[in-house]
Protein backbone atom coordinates (compact mmCIF):
# COMPACT_ATOMS: atom_id res chain seq x y z
CA PHE A 1 21.34 10.22 7.92
CA ILE A 2 21.33 9.74 4.17
CA GLY A 3 24.31 10.92 2.19
CA VAL A 4 23.61 13.52 -0.46
CA SER A 5 24.78 11.16 -3.20
CA TYR A 6 22.06 8.65 -2.25
CA SER A 7 19.26 11.01 -1.27
CA GLU A 8 17.63 10.85 -4.70
CA SER A 9 17.66 7.06 -4.95
CA GLU A 10 14.17 6.00 -3.88
CA HIS A 11 15.27 2.44 -3.12
CA VAL A 12 18.01 3.56 -0.73
CA VAL A 13 15.83 6.21 0.90
CA PHE A 14 12.95 3.74 1.29
CA GLY A 15 15.25 1.19 2.95
CA VAL A 16 16.60 3.79 5.36
CA CYS A 17 13.07 5.00 6.16
CA ARG A 18 11.90 1.45 6.87
CA ILE A 19 14.74 0.98 9.33
CA LEU A 20 14.27 4.38 10.97
CA ALA A 21 10.52 3.85 11.29
CA LYS A 22 11.27 0.79 13.42
CA LEU A 23 14.22 2.26 15.32
CA THR A 24 12.40 5.45 16.29
CA PHE A 25 10.04 3.38 18.43
CA PHE A 26 12.92 3.19 20.92
CA PRO A 27 13.47 6.22 23.19
CA ALA A 28 17.28 5.93 23.02
CA CYS A 29 17.22 6.09 19.23
CA ARG A 30 14.76 9.01 19.24
CA SER A 31 17.00 10.82 21.69
CA GLN A 32 20.07 10.34 19.46
CA LEU A 33 18.25 11.45 16.33
CA SER A 34 16.70 14.42 18.11
CA SER A 35 20.08 15.61 19.37
CA ASN A 36 20.79 17.11 15.95
CA SER A 37 18.19 19.18 14.10
CA LYS A 38 19.71 18.08 10.79
CA HIS A 39 17.97 14.73 11.20
CA LEU A 40 14.54 16.32 11.26
CA GLU A 41 15.58 18.44 8.28
CA ALA A 42 16.59 15.27 6.43
CA VAL A 43 13.07 13.90 6.89
CA TYR A 44 11.64 17.12 5.42
CA ARG A 45 14.07 16.82 2.53
CA ILE A 46 12.81 13.28 1.87
CA LEU A 47 9.25 14.59 1.72
CA ASP A 48 10.27 17.38 -0.63
CA VAL A 49 12.60 15.47 -2.97
CA HIS A 50 10.32 12.43 -3.24
CA ARG A 51 7.02 14.26 -3.40
CA GLY A 52 4.46 12.08 -5.12
CA ASN A 53 5.89 8.85 -3.72
CA VAL A 54 3.08 8.30 -1.25
CA VAL A 55 4.55 5.19 0.37
CA LEU A 56 7.79 7.00 1.09
CA GLY A 57 5.85 10.05 2.29
CA ILE A 58 3.91 7.96 4.78
CA ARG A 59 7.13 6.41 6.12
CA ALA A 60 8.79 9.81 6.45
CA CYS A 61 5.75 11.23 8.27
CA PHE A 62 5.77 8.23 10.58
CA ILE A 63 9.42 8.91 11.46
CA MET A 64 8.65 12.59 11.95
CA GLY A 65 5.78 11.69 14.26
CA ASN A 66 8.03 9.46 16.33
CA LEU A 67 10.67 12.19 16.55
CA THR A 68 8.15 14.79 17.70
CA VAL A 69 6.03 12.69 20.05
CA SER A 70 8.45 12.95 22.95
CA ASN A 71 10.57 15.95 21.99
CA ASP A 72 9.33 19.48 22.59
CA ARG A 73 12.21 20.99 20.63
CA ASN A 74 11.28 19.03 17.49
CA ARG A 75 7.65 20.07 17.82
CA MET A 76 8.72 23.68 18.28
CA THR A 77 10.94 23.43 15.20
CA ILE A 78 7.88 22.56 13.15
CA CYS A 79 5.84 25.37 14.71
CA LYS A 80 8.63 27.92 14.42
CA ASP A 81 9.21 27.14 10.77
CA TYR A 82 5.47 26.92 10.14
CA ASP A 83 5.58 28.77 6.82
CA SER A 84 8.12 26.37 5.33
CA LYS A 85 7.31 23.10 7.11
CA CYS A 86 3.54 22.87 7.35
CA PRO A 87 2.76 23.43 3.65
CA LEU A 88 5.03 20.49 2.82
CA LEU A 89 3.27 18.31 5.39
CA LEU A 90 -0.12 19.37 4.06
CA ARG A 91 0.91 18.65 0.44
CA THR A 92 2.05 15.20 1.53
CA LEU A 93 -1.31 14.62 3.21
CA GLU A 94 -3.11 15.82 0.06
CA ASP A 95 -1.04 13.38 -2.04
CA ILE A 96 -1.98 10.52 0.28
CA ILE A 97 -5.68 11.43 0.19
CA ALA A 98 -5.62 11.76 -3.61
CA GLN A 99 -4.04 8.33 -3.99
CA ASP A 100 -6.61 6.81 -1.63
CA GLU A 101 -9.44 8.42 -3.61
CA ARG A 102 -8.03 7.08 -6.90
CA ALA A 103 -7.71 3.60 -5.40
CA GLU A 104 -11.27 3.75 -4.05
CA GLN A 105 -12.59 4.86 -7.45
CA LYS A 106 -10.73 2.03 -9.18
CA ILE A 107 -12.18 -0.52 -6.74
CA LYS A 108 -15.70 0.80 -7.36
CA GLU A 109 -15.23 0.67 -11.13
CA GLU A 110 -13.91 -2.90 -10.96
CA ALA A 111 -16.81 -3.98 -8.73
CA LYS A 112 -19.31 -2.37 -11.12
CA SER A 113 -17.63 -4.02 -14.10
CA ASN A 114 -17.72 -7.43 -12.38
CA THR A 115 -21.40 -6.98 -11.51
CA ILE A 116 -22.28 -6.08 -15.10
CA SER A 117 -20.24 -9.03 -16.39
CA ASP A 118 -21.99 -11.43 -13.98
CA GLU A 119 -25.40 -10.06 -14.99
CA ASN A 120 -24.56 -10.50 -18.69
CA LYS A 121 -23.48 -14.10 -18.10
CA ALA A 122 -26.67 -14.84 -16.19
CA ALA A 123 -28.80 -13.24 -18.89
CA SER A 124 -27.11 -15.21 -21.68
CA GLY A 125 -27.42 -18.48 -19.77
CA SER A 126 -23.68 -18.93 -19.59
CA SER A 127 -22.60 -21.38 -16.94
CA GLU A 128 -18.90 -20.64 -17.16
CA GLY A 129 -17.13 -21.96 -14.14
CA ALA A 130 -19.95 -24.40 -13.30
CA PRO A 131 -19.29 -28.11 -13.79
CA ASN A 132 -20.63 -29.56 -17.03
CA SER A 133 -23.40 -31.82 -15.75
CA SER A 134 -24.03 -33.50 -19.12
CA ARG A 135 -20.42 -34.66 -19.25
CA ILE A 136 -20.69 -36.08 -15.72
CA THR A 137 -23.92 -37.92 -16.62
CA THR A 138 -22.37 -39.31 -19.80
CA ARG A 139 -19.36 -40.67 -17.93
CA ALA A 140 -21.55 -42.26 -15.30
CA THR A 141 -23.70 -43.89 -17.99
CA THR A 142 -20.65 -45.13 -19.88
CA SER A 143 -19.14 -46.57 -16.71
CA SER A 144 -22.31 -48.42 -15.75
CA SER A 145 -22.71 -49.74 -19.30
CA SER A 146 -19.18 -51.09 -19.20
CA SER A 147 -19.86 -52.72 -15.84
CA ASN A 148 -23.02 -54.35 -17.13
CA ASN A 149 -21.25 -55.64 -20.22
CA SER A 150 -18.46 -57.15 -18.11
CA SER A 151 -20.82 -58.91 -15.74
CA SER A 152 -22.97 -60.36 -18.51
CA SER A 153 -19.99 -62.11 -20.14
């Protein structure tokens, strides 16, 4: 479903995968795509060529899941070619897990950094972000002084 000349362009492949992910919800579309084993092979090729692009890998796996959910032949293709297909699927899963772990670690580090920063501000008495109460008091005093001066004239 993706011409060879475009199969290495991540933008084109991503667009096609987005469309196919939606279309493969429909039984008629799944039936058409499942009628030719080259379509399932194209999904494997996407996983292989774009290994490391986790977002694209997730989309491709989603399409593959839709194509195998209601088609015994597609499931059997995966099982029959176990030695060549399953390692690729497992590598894709490992890439996804690794990216999730990196993202989780980054979130923890940012949270820890923010906590330390907040503690340092509290310890130094910094009131950054809080309204300046002395400025508010000064304005109120100035305003009332002006009012009193006007009324006494």
